[in-house]
């Protein structure tokens, strides 16, 4: 699935990586979103294509680590 998605993005000339970002700024922006309740973000987590679940108990540290991993070049 991952390689198929990469090939699709590449075929449209879309970037496969991003520059360095401020993880705390991303987290702060997510907390200001209308889907938050207090400091709890409602997440839609994918179990696979067409299979998702919603959660609001994802630890901040896991979110920040995930952002770092996804934006690592």
Protein backbone atom coordinates (compact mmCIF):
# COMPACT_ATOMS: atom_id res chain seq x y z
CA UNK A 1 0.00 0.00 0.00
CA UNK A 2 2.78 2.44 0.88
CA UNK A 3 4.65 2.03 -2.39
CA UNK A 4 1.43 2.42 -4.36
CA UNK A 5 0.69 5.70 -2.58
CA UNK A 6 4.25 6.95 -3.13
CA UNK A 7 4.03 6.12 -6.82
CA UNK A 8 0.70 7.94 -7.08
CA UNK A 9 2.05 11.09 -5.41
CA UNK A 10 5.18 10.94 -7.56
CA UNK A 11 3.14 10.54 -10.76
CA UNK A 12 1.46 13.89 -10.03
CA UNK A 13 4.75 15.57 -9.16
CA UNK A 14 3.76 15.95 -5.51
CA UNK A 15 6.47 16.00 -2.83
CA UNK A 16 7.29 12.83 -0.93
CA UNK A 17 9.05 14.66 1.92
CA UNK A 18 8.66 17.97 3.71
CA UNK A 19 11.05 20.45 5.20
CA UNK A 20 11.78 20.83 8.88
CA UNK A 21 8.74 21.82 10.91
CA UNK A 22 8.05 22.97 14.45
CA UNK A 23 6.29 19.99 16.06
CA UNK A 24 4.94 22.10 18.93
CA UNK A 25 3.45 24.61 16.45
CA UNK A 26 1.69 21.77 14.63
CA UNK A 27 0.36 20.42 17.92
CA UNK A 28 -0.84 23.89 18.98
CA UNK A 29 -2.62 24.35 15.63
CA UNK A 30 -4.37 20.99 16.03
CA UNK A 31 -5.55 21.98 19.51
CA UNK A 32 -7.19 25.11 18.10
CA UNK A 33 -9.22 23.06 15.60
CA UNK A 34 -13.01 22.98 15.99
CA UNK A 35 -12.98 19.20 16.48
CA UNK A 36 -11.18 19.46 19.82
CA UNK A 37 -12.83 19.38 23.20
CA UNK A 38 -10.62 21.01 25.81
CA UNK A 39 -7.21 19.49 25.13
CA UNK A 40 -8.61 16.30 23.57
CA UNK A 41 -8.31 15.97 19.81
CA UNK A 42 -10.75 13.64 18.08
CA UNK A 43 -8.57 11.44 15.87
CA UNK A 44 -9.65 9.36 12.91
CA UNK A 45 -7.21 6.45 12.85
CA UNK A 46 -6.93 4.14 9.88
CA UNK A 47 -6.76 0.40 10.42
CA UNK A 48 -6.49 -0.10 6.65
CA UNK A 49 -8.04 1.20 3.46
CA UNK A 50 -11.73 1.83 4.14
CA UNK A 51 -11.42 0.81 7.80
CA UNK A 52 -11.20 3.63 10.36
CA UNK A 53 -11.95 4.26 14.01
CA UNK A 54 -12.19 7.45 16.09
CA UNK A 55 -10.35 8.02 19.36
CA UNK A 56 -9.78 10.95 21.68
CA UNK A 57 -7.26 9.35 24.04
CA UNK A 58 -4.08 9.43 21.92
CA UNK A 59 -1.18 10.63 24.13
CA UNK A 60 0.47 13.94 23.10
CA UNK A 61 3.91 12.32 23.17
CA UNK A 62 2.80 9.68 20.65
CA UNK A 63 1.36 12.39 18.40
CA UNK A 64 4.56 14.44 18.53
CA UNK A 65 6.74 11.37 17.89
CA UNK A 66 4.52 10.46 14.94
CA UNK A 67 4.81 13.96 13.47
CA UNK A 68 8.60 13.77 13.78
CA UNK A 69 8.67 10.36 12.11
CA UNK A 70 6.36 11.39 9.26
CA UNK A 71 8.29 14.57 8.54
CA UNK A 72 11.77 13.06 8.76
CA UNK A 73 13.55 13.35 5.45
